[in-house]
Amino acid sequence: MHSAVIGSAPWTPRRLSPLAWWRADLGVTLASGAVAGWGDQGGGGVHLTQGTPAIRPTYIASGARKGQPCIETTSAGQMLTAASITLPREIAIWIVTGTISTAGYAFTHRVGSNRTHYLYLPGAAAFNVTNAADSLYFARYSSWTYANRGLLGIYDGTNVDVFSNNVNANGISIGAPFASVDLTGTIGLFCSPDGVNPTVGQIYEAAIFPAAQLTSTTARQRLRDYEFARYG
């Protein structure tokens, strides 16, 4: 059992120096009840927006997971994006979901016509990494359920791993490892920025980290403990 330190700040994913971090009770801008913006709480300035009212997601003030708020798409094609975002090749992507009713992209980083990193769920959920030739190198978490889960995908430059509850899914990998390179593109949440393969569902929280921050079991467990405490 861990003892509390009096006066210490609660642990959050910001302790892991995220490249971007979004939480549905922080930094959400509403327009007529729909989400026009979702501010980055990680300090990197990766603010998600949607300027077209018809494809703005909905804000849920008290969701099914411990009454925490979430962002929800109610129809295919609703999404939030952030353009001209540079990410290193070696990253970890973490996402906390509620009910998911349509399989598709929950997170993408799209450079030109190539989706360099993406999480696809539910069902046979997968974290995928591709190269400039769109060759695929991926790991799959095949027993993903449709609701109330957190998924963490890590690409460290050599391997792709997917964790659920800090347990490695031991998925499938094809292709070859890719060299370290920074890539600039557009982030899409709920749907690829080109409108392909939308996810209809709920996201409570999401973050992008340097891969090195989550290669240790201890760091992943801190993230898992935080997730469980907030969302069950």
C-alpha atoms as a PDB file:
ATOM      1  CA  MET A   1       0.000   0.000   0.000  1.00  0.00           C
ATOM      2  CA  HIS A   2       1.355   3.413  -0.970  1.00  0.00           C
ATOM      3  CA  SER A   3       1.290   6.210   1.582  1.00  0.00           C
ATOM      4  CA  ALA A   4       0.198   9.667   0.517  1.00  0.00           C
ATOM      5  CA  VAL A   5       2.610  12.573   0.609  1.00  0.00           C
ATOM      6  CA  ILE A   6       0.957  15.558   2.286  1.00  0.00           C
ATOM      7  CA  GLY A   7       0.855  18.560   0.000  1.00  0.00           C
ATOM      8  CA  SER A   8       1.934  16.653  -3.098  1.00  0.00           C
ATOM      9  CA  ALA A   9       0.026  17.144  -6.349  1.00  0.00           C
ATOM     10  CA  PRO A  10      -2.039  14.191  -7.619  1.00  0.00           C
ATOM     11  CA  TRP A  11      -0.309  12.066 -10.244  1.00  0.00           C
ATOM     12  CA  THR A  12      -1.471  12.709 -13.802  1.00  0.00           C
ATOM     13  CA  PRO A  13      -0.116  11.704 -17.235  1.00  0.00           C
ATOM     14  CA  ARG A  14       1.658  15.065 -17.362  1.00  0.00           C
ATOM     15  CA  ARG A  15       4.304  13.515 -15.072  1.00  0.00           C
ATOM     16  CA  LEU A  16       5.369  11.435 -18.106  1.00  0.00           C
ATOM     17  CA  SER A  17       6.117  14.556 -20.211  1.00  0.00           C
ATOM     18  CA  PRO A  18       3.471  13.910 -22.886  1.00  0.00           C
ATOM     19  CA  LEU A  19       3.781  15.312 -26.371  1.00  0.00           C
ATOM     20  CA  ALA A  20       0.035  15.965 -26.102  1.00  0.00           C
ATOM     21  CA  TRP A  21      -2.633  15.172 -23.524  1.00  0.00           C
ATOM     22  CA  TRP A  22      -6.387  15.674 -23.680  1.00  0.00           C
ATOM     23  CA  ARG A  23      -8.840  15.077 -20.819  1.00  0.00           C
ATOM     24  CA  ALA A  24     -12.554  15.717 -21.210  1.00  0.00           C
ATOM     25  CA  ASP A  25     -12.907  17.754 -18.024  1.00  0.00           C
ATOM     26  CA  LEU A  26     -10.184  20.165 -19.123  1.00  0.00           C
ATOM     27  CA  GLY A  27      -9.868  22.608 -22.005  1.00  0.00           C
ATOM     28  CA  VAL A  28     -13.084  21.768 -23.875  1.00  0.00           C
ATOM     29  CA  THR A  29     -14.643  24.588 -25.929  1.00  0.00           C
ATOM     30  CA  LEU A  30     -18.350  24.204 -26.688  1.00  0.00           C
ATOM     31  CA  ALA A  31     -20.497  25.781 -29.391  1.00  0.00           C
ATOM     32  CA  SER A  32     -24.231  25.064 -29.084  1.00  0.00           C
ATOM     33  CA  GLY A  33     -23.470  21.989 -27.003  1.00  0.00           C
ATOM     34  CA  ALA A  34     -20.996  20.558 -29.516  1.00  0.00           C
ATOM     35  CA  VAL A  35     -17.213  20.372 -29.172  1.00  0.00           C
ATOM     36  CA  ALA A  36     -15.470  23.055 -31.219  1.00  0.00           C
ATOM     37  CA  GLY A  37     -12.096  22.608 -29.490  1.00  0.00           C
ATOM     38  CA  TRP A  38     -10.219  20.370 -27.077  1.00  0.00           C
ATOM     39  CA  GLY A  39      -7.136  21.973 -25.584  1.00  0.00           C
ATOM     40  CA  ASP A  40      -3.855  20.153 -25.052  1.00  0.00           C
ATOM     41  CA  GLN A  41      -3.043  19.903 -21.327  1.00  0.00           C
ATOM     42  CA  GLY A  42       0.447  18.528 -21.927  1.00  0.00           C
ATOM     43  CA  GLY A  43       2.041  21.860 -22.749  1.00  0.00           C
ATOM     44  CA  GLY A  44       2.870  21.056 -26.373  1.00  0.00           C
ATOM     45  CA  GLY A  45       0.135  23.163 -27.916  1.00  0.00           C
ATOM     46  CA  VAL A  46      -1.536  20.316 -29.829  1.00  0.00           C
ATOM     47  CA  HIS A  47      -5.040  21.755 -29.648  1.00  0.00           C
ATOM     48  CA  LEU A  48      -7.776  19.786 -31.418  1.00  0.00           C
ATOM     49  CA  THR A  49     -10.493  21.765 -33.203  1.00  0.00           C
ATOM     50  CA  GLN A  50     -13.455  21.399 -35.522  1.00  0.00           C
ATOM     51  CA  GLY A  51     -14.687  24.433 -37.440  1.00  0.00           C
ATOM     52  CA  THR A  52     -17.588  22.717 -39.210  1.00  0.00           C
ATOM     53  CA  PRO A  53     -20.643  22.548 -36.915  1.00  0.00           C
ATOM     54  CA  ALA A  54     -22.159  19.503 -38.623  1.00  0.00           C
ATOM     55  CA  ILE A  55     -19.184  17.286 -37.775  1.00  0.00           C
ATOM     56  CA  ARG A  56     -18.475  18.454 -34.246  1.00  0.00           C
ATOM     57  CA  PRO A  57     -18.639  15.752 -31.560  1.00  0.00           C
ATOM     58  CA  THR A  58     -20.918  16.022 -28.531  1.00  0.00           C
ATOM     59  CA  TYR A  59     -19.854  16.788 -24.975  1.00  0.00           C
ATOM     60  CA  ILE A  60     -21.143  14.405 -22.296  1.00  0.00           C
ATOM     61  CA  ALA A  61     -20.848  16.073 -18.881  1.00  0.00           C
ATOM     62  CA  SER A  62     -21.323  12.874 -16.869  1.00  0.00           C
ATOM     63  CA  GLY A  63     -20.491   9.634 -18.649  1.00  0.00           C
ATOM     64  CA  ALA A  64     -20.994   6.038 -17.572  1.00  0.00           C
ATOM     65  CA  ARG A  65     -17.433   5.682 -16.298  1.00  0.00           C
ATOM     66  CA  LYS A  66     -17.572   7.044 -12.733  1.00  0.00           C
ATOM     67  CA  GLY A  67     -19.545  10.055 -13.931  1.00  0.00           C
ATOM     68  CA  GLN A  68     -16.501  11.494 -15.691  1.00  0.00           C
ATOM     69  CA  PRO A  69     -17.102  13.630 -18.794  1.00  0.00           C
ATOM     70  CA  CYS A  70     -16.311  12.368 -22.274  1.00  0.00           C
ATOM     71  CA  ILE A  71     -16.346  13.441 -25.900  1.00  0.00           C
ATOM     72  CA  GLU A  72     -18.778  11.463 -28.063  1.00  0.00           C
ATOM     73  CA  THR A  73     -19.397  11.143 -31.768  1.00  0.00           C
ATOM     74  CA  THR A  74     -22.997  10.337 -32.590  1.00  0.00           C
ATOM     75  CA  SER A  75     -22.594   9.779 -36.327  1.00  0.00           C
ATOM     76  CA  ALA A  76     -19.850   8.772 -38.748  1.00  0.00           C
ATOM     77  CA  GLY A  77     -17.551  11.581 -39.827  1.00  0.00           C
ATOM     78  CA  GLN A  78     -17.614  13.690 -36.677  1.00  0.00           C
ATOM     79  CA  MET A  79     -14.024  14.383 -35.622  1.00  0.00           C
ATOM     80  CA  LEU A  80     -11.451  16.712 -34.115  1.00  0.00           C
ATOM     81  CA  THR A  81      -8.148  17.528 -35.808  1.00  0.00           C
ATOM     82  CA  ALA A  82      -4.843  19.361 -35.320  1.00  0.00           C
ATOM     83  CA  ALA A  83      -2.794  20.243 -38.398  1.00  0.00           C
ATOM     84  CA  SER A  84       0.977  20.552 -38.889  1.00  0.00           C
ATOM     85  CA  ILE A  85       1.887  18.441 -35.867  1.00  0.00           C
ATOM     86  CA  THR A  86       5.425  17.057 -35.774  1.00  0.00           C
ATOM     87  CA  LEU A  87       5.864  13.758 -33.935  1.00  0.00           C
ATOM     88  CA  PRO A  88       8.891  11.531 -33.521  1.00  0.00           C
ATOM     89  CA  ARG A  89       8.582   8.050 -35.015  1.00  0.00           C
ATOM     90  CA  GLU A  90       9.025   6.496 -31.567  1.00  0.00           C
ATOM     91  CA  ILE A  91       5.839   7.313 -29.696  1.00  0.00           C
ATOM     92  CA  ALA A  92       3.279   5.799 -27.356  1.00  0.00           C
ATOM     93  CA  ILE A  93      -0.434   6.465 -27.858  1.00  0.00           C
ATOM     94  CA  TRP A  94      -2.888   5.974 -24.992  1.00  0.00           C
ATOM     95  CA  ILE A  95      -6.648   6.265 -25.219  1.00  0.00           C
ATOM     96  CA  VAL A  96      -9.484   5.692 -22.729  1.00  0.00           C
ATOM     97  CA  THR A  97     -12.815   4.821 -24.310  1.00  0.00           C
ATOM     98  CA  GLY A  98     -16.427   4.366 -23.374  1.00  0.00           C
ATOM     99  CA  THR A  99     -19.010   2.718 -25.596  1.00  0.00           C
ATOM    100  CA  ILE A 100     -17.805   2.222 -29.167  1.00  0.00           C
ATOM    101  CA  SER A 101     -20.504   1.354 -31.696  1.00  0.00           C
ATOM    102  CA  THR A 102     -18.619   1.547 -35.000  1.00  0.00           C
ATOM    103  CA  ALA A 103     -15.156   0.153 -35.705  1.00  0.00           C
ATOM    104  CA  GLY A 104     -12.692   2.638 -37.138  1.00  0.00           C
ATOM    105  CA  TYR A 105      -9.863   5.074 -36.396  1.00  0.00           C
ATOM    106  CA  ALA A 106      -9.831   6.410 -32.849  1.00  0.00           C
ATOM    107  CA  PHE A 107      -6.504   8.199 -33.441  1.00  0.00           C
ATOM    108  CA  THR A 108      -4.456   8.907 -36.555  1.00  0.00           C
ATOM    109  CA  HIS A 109      -1.387  10.926 -37.488  1.00  0.00           C
ATOM    110  CA  ARG A 110      -1.608  11.444 -41.232  1.00  0.00           C
ATOM    111  CA  VAL A 111       1.337  12.654 -43.350  1.00  0.00           C
ATOM    112  CA  GLY A 112       0.188  13.229 -46.916  1.00  0.00           C
ATOM    113  CA  SER A 113      -1.812  10.153 -47.874  1.00  0.00           C
ATOM    114  CA  ASN A 114      -0.015   7.950 -45.350  1.00  0.00           C
ATOM    115  CA  ARG A 115      -1.288   7.261 -41.829  1.00  0.00           C
ATOM    116  CA  THR A 116       2.007   6.972 -39.992  1.00  0.00           C
ATOM    117  CA  HIS A 117       0.526   5.938 -36.627  1.00  0.00           C
ATOM    118  CA  TYR A 118      -3.006   4.886 -35.857  1.00  0.00           C
ATOM    119  CA  LEU A 119      -5.222   3.132 -33.354  1.00  0.00           C
ATOM    120  CA  TYR A 120      -8.086   1.171 -34.850  1.00  0.00           C
ATOM    121  CA  LEU A 121     -10.833  -0.243 -32.655  1.00  0.00           C
ATOM    122  CA  PRO A 122     -12.940  -2.002 -31.404  1.00  0.00           C
ATOM    123  CA  GLY A 123     -13.091  -5.764 -32.052  1.00  0.00           C
ATOM    124  CA  ALA A 124      -9.632  -6.668 -33.342  1.00  0.00           C
ATOM    125  CA  ALA A 125      -8.154  -3.428 -32.040  1.00  0.00           C
ATOM    126  CA  ALA A 126      -4.713  -2.549 -33.363  1.00  0.00           C
ATOM    127  CA  PHE A 127      -1.916  -0.019 -33.016  1.00  0.00           C
ATOM    128  CA  ASN A 128      -0.303   0.416 -36.418  1.00  0.00           C
ATOM    129  CA  VAL A 129       2.858   2.113 -37.681  1.00  0.00           C
ATOM    130  CA  THR A 130       3.678   2.615 -41.354  1.00  0.00           C
ATOM    131  CA  ASN A 131       6.572   4.037 -43.361  1.00  0.00           C
ATOM    132  CA  ALA A 132       6.646   6.472 -46.269  1.00  0.00           C
ATOM    133  CA  ALA A 133       5.891   3.642 -48.699  1.00  0.00           C
ATOM    134  CA  ASP A 134       2.821   2.779 -46.587  1.00  0.00           C
ATOM    135  CA  SER A 135       4.371  -0.542 -45.573  1.00  0.00           C
ATOM    136  CA  LEU A 136       2.799  -1.782 -42.349  1.00  0.00           C
ATOM    137  CA  TYR A 137       4.411  -2.793 -39.081  1.00  0.00           C
ATOM    138  CA  PHE A 138       1.837  -3.389 -36.381  1.00  0.00           C
ATOM    139  CA  ALA A 139       0.604  -5.154 -33.267  1.00  0.00           C
ATOM    140  CA  ARG A 140      -2.992  -6.201 -32.696  1.00  0.00           C
ATOM    141  CA  TYR A 141      -5.031  -6.650 -29.536  1.00  0.00           C
ATOM    142  CA  SER A 142      -7.584  -9.171 -30.793  1.00  0.00           C
ATOM    143  CA  SER A 143      -9.786  -9.495 -27.694  1.00  0.00           C
ATOM    144  CA  TRP A 144     -10.706  -5.822 -27.319  1.00  0.00           C
ATOM    145  CA  THR A 145     -14.250  -5.326 -26.035  1.00  0.00           C
ATOM    146  CA  TYR A 146     -16.670  -2.687 -27.241  1.00  0.00           C
ATOM    147  CA  ALA A 147     -16.848  -0.581 -24.087  1.00  0.00           C
ATOM    148  CA  ASN A 148     -14.976   0.819 -21.123  1.00  0.00           C
ATOM    149  CA  ARG A 149     -11.360   0.085 -21.925  1.00  0.00           C
ATOM    150  CA  GLY A 150      -7.988   1.760 -22.128  1.00  0.00           C
ATOM    151  CA  LEU A 151      -5.480   0.869 -24.855  1.00  0.00           C
ATOM    152  CA  LEU A 152      -1.772   1.752 -24.968  1.00  0.00           C
ATOM    153  CA  GLY A 153       0.315   1.270 -28.106  1.00  0.00           C
ATOM    154  CA  ILE A 154       4.090   1.767 -28.094  1.00  0.00           C
ATOM    155  CA  TYR A 155       6.551   1.895 -30.993  1.00  0.00           C
ATOM    156  CA  ASP A 156      10.147   2.147 -29.775  1.00  0.00           C
ATOM    157  CA  GLY A 157      11.812   2.103 -33.197  1.00  0.00           C
ATOM    158  CA  THR A 158      12.225  -1.666 -33.180  1.00  0.00           C
ATOM    159  CA  ASN A 159       9.026  -3.218 -31.864  1.00  0.00           C
ATOM    160  CA  VAL A 160       5.325  -2.432 -31.731  1.00  0.00           C
ATOM    161  CA  ASP A 161       3.536  -3.444 -28.534  1.00  0.00           C
ATOM    162  CA  VAL A 162      -0.043  -3.080 -27.369  1.00  0.00           C
ATOM    163  CA  PHE A 163      -1.032  -3.153 -23.695  1.00  0.00           C
ATOM    164  CA  SER A 164      -4.406  -3.485 -22.019  1.00  0.00           C
ATOM    165  CA  ASN A 165      -4.357  -3.201 -18.218  1.00  0.00           C
ATOM    166  CA  ASN A 166      -0.534  -3.232 -18.499  1.00  0.00           C
ATOM    167  CA  VAL A 167      -0.612  -6.678 -20.084  1.00  0.00           C
ATOM    168  CA  ASN A 168       1.156  -7.024 -23.439  1.00  0.00           C
ATOM    169  CA  ALA A 169      -1.245  -8.304 -26.075  1.00  0.00           C
ATOM    170  CA  ASN A 170       1.555 -10.114 -27.963  1.00  0.00           C
ATOM    171  CA  GLY A 171       0.001  -9.241 -31.290  1.00  0.00           C
ATOM    172  CA  ILE A 172       1.074  -9.805 -34.879  1.00  0.00           C
ATOM    173  CA  SER A 173       3.942  -7.930 -36.552  1.00  0.00           C
ATOM    174  CA  ILE A 174       4.794  -7.772 -40.244  1.00  0.00           C
ATOM    175  CA  GLY A 175       7.274  -5.751 -42.259  1.00  0.00           C
ATOM    176  CA  ALA A 176      10.527  -4.360 -40.878  1.00  0.00           C
ATOM    177  CA  PRO A 177      11.487  -1.822 -38.196  1.00  0.00           C
ATOM    178  CA  PHE A 178      11.735   1.767 -39.394  1.00  0.00           C
ATOM    179  CA  ALA A 179      14.459   4.283 -38.745  1.00  0.00           C
ATOM    180  CA  SER A 180      13.973   7.215 -36.381  1.00  0.00           C
ATOM    181  CA  VAL A 181      12.534  10.230 -38.178  1.00  0.00           C
ATOM    182  CA  ASP A 182      10.317  13.157 -37.198  1.00  0.00           C
ATOM    183  CA  LEU A 183       7.184  13.504 -39.329  1.00  0.00           C
ATOM    184  CA  THR A 184       4.772  16.421 -39.687  1.00  0.00           C
ATOM    185  CA  GLY A 185       1.107  15.769 -40.398  1.00  0.00           C
ATOM    186  CA  THR A 186      -2.461  16.086 -39.165  1.00  0.00           C
ATOM    187  CA  ILE A 187      -3.804  14.382 -36.069  1.00  0.00           C
ATOM    188  CA  GLY A 188      -7.362  13.083 -36.215  1.00  0.00           C
ATOM    189  CA  LEU A 189      -9.447  11.898 -33.271  1.00  0.00           C
ATOM    190  CA  PHE A 190     -12.456   9.643 -34.051  1.00  0.00           C
ATOM    191  CA  CYS A 191     -11.690   9.624 -37.768  1.00  0.00           C
ATOM    192  CA  SER A 192      -8.800   9.973 -40.176  1.00  0.00           C
ATOM    193  CA  PRO A 193      -8.496  13.583 -41.376  1.00  0.00           C
ATOM    194  CA  ASP A 194      -9.499  12.450 -44.885  1.00  0.00           C
ATOM    195  CA  GLY A 195     -12.808  11.192 -43.480  1.00  0.00           C
ATOM    196  CA  VAL A 196     -11.923   7.506 -43.839  1.00  0.00           C
ATOM    197  CA  ASN A 197     -12.991   4.814 -41.329  1.00  0.00           C
ATOM    198  CA  PRO A 198     -14.703   6.877 -38.617  1.00  0.00           C
ATOM    199  CA  THR A 199     -15.177   5.583 -35.084  1.00  0.00           C
ATOM    200  CA  VAL A 200     -18.551   6.308 -33.527  1.00  0.00           C
ATOM    201  CA  GLY A 201     -18.155   6.267 -29.767  1.00  0.00           C
ATOM    202  CA  GLN A 202     -16.731   7.951 -26.681  1.00  0.00           C
ATOM    203  CA  ILE A 203     -13.264   9.097 -25.651  1.00  0.00           C
ATOM    204  CA  TYR A 204     -12.635  10.148 -22.052  1.00  0.00           C
ATOM    205  CA  GLU A 205      -8.939  10.832 -22.289  1.00  0.00           C
ATOM    206  CA  ALA A 206      -6.042  10.442 -24.714  1.00  0.00           C
ATOM    207  CA  ALA A 207      -2.337  11.222 -24.829  1.00  0.00           C
ATOM    208  CA  ILE A 208       0.792  10.897 -26.941  1.00  0.00           C
ATOM    209  CA  PHE A 209       4.115  10.253 -25.189  1.00  0.00           C
ATOM    210  CA  PRO A 210       7.737   9.796 -26.231  1.00  0.00           C
ATOM    211  CA  ALA A 211       8.046   6.002 -26.392  1.00  0.00           C
ATOM    212  CA  ALA A 212      10.909   5.994 -23.873  1.00  0.00           C
ATOM    213  CA  GLN A 213       8.558   7.288 -21.176  1.00  0.00           C
ATOM    214  CA  LEU A 214       6.507   4.084 -21.210  1.00  0.00           C
ATOM    215  CA  THR A 215       8.982   1.299 -21.891  1.00  0.00           C
ATOM    216  CA  SER A 216       9.172   0.376 -18.191  1.00  0.00           C
ATOM    217  CA  THR A 217       6.536  -1.721 -16.434  1.00  0.00           C
ATOM    218  CA  THR A 218       6.535   0.769 -13.554  1.00  0.00           C
ATOM    219  CA  ALA A 219       5.645   3.746 -15.764  1.00  0.00           C
ATOM    220  CA  ARG A 220       2.904   1.791 -17.506  1.00  0.00           C
ATOM    221  CA  GLN A 221       1.493   0.719 -14.157  1.00  0.00           C
ATOM    222  CA  ARG A 222       1.350   4.327 -12.935  1.00  0.00           C
ATOM    223  CA  LEU A 223      -0.687   5.164 -16.030  1.00  0.00           C
ATOM    224  CA  ARG A 224      -2.914   2.138 -15.473  1.00  0.00           C
ATOM    225  CA  ASP A 225      -3.451   3.019 -11.788  1.00  0.00           C
ATOM    226  CA  TYR A 226      -4.397   6.568 -12.769  1.00  0.00           C
ATOM    227  CA  GLU A 227      -6.831   5.254 -15.384  1.00  0.00           C
ATOM    228  CA  PHE A 228      -8.466   2.838 -12.943  1.00  0.00           C
ATOM    229  CA  ALA A 229      -8.803   5.483 -10.215  1.00  0.00           C
ATOM    230  CA  ARG A 230     -10.554   7.924 -12.540  1.00  0.00           C
ATOM    231  CA  TYR A 231     -12.635   5.608 -14.700  1.00  0.00           C
ATOM    232  CA  GLY A 232     -12.796   2.164 -13.052  1.00  0.00           C
END
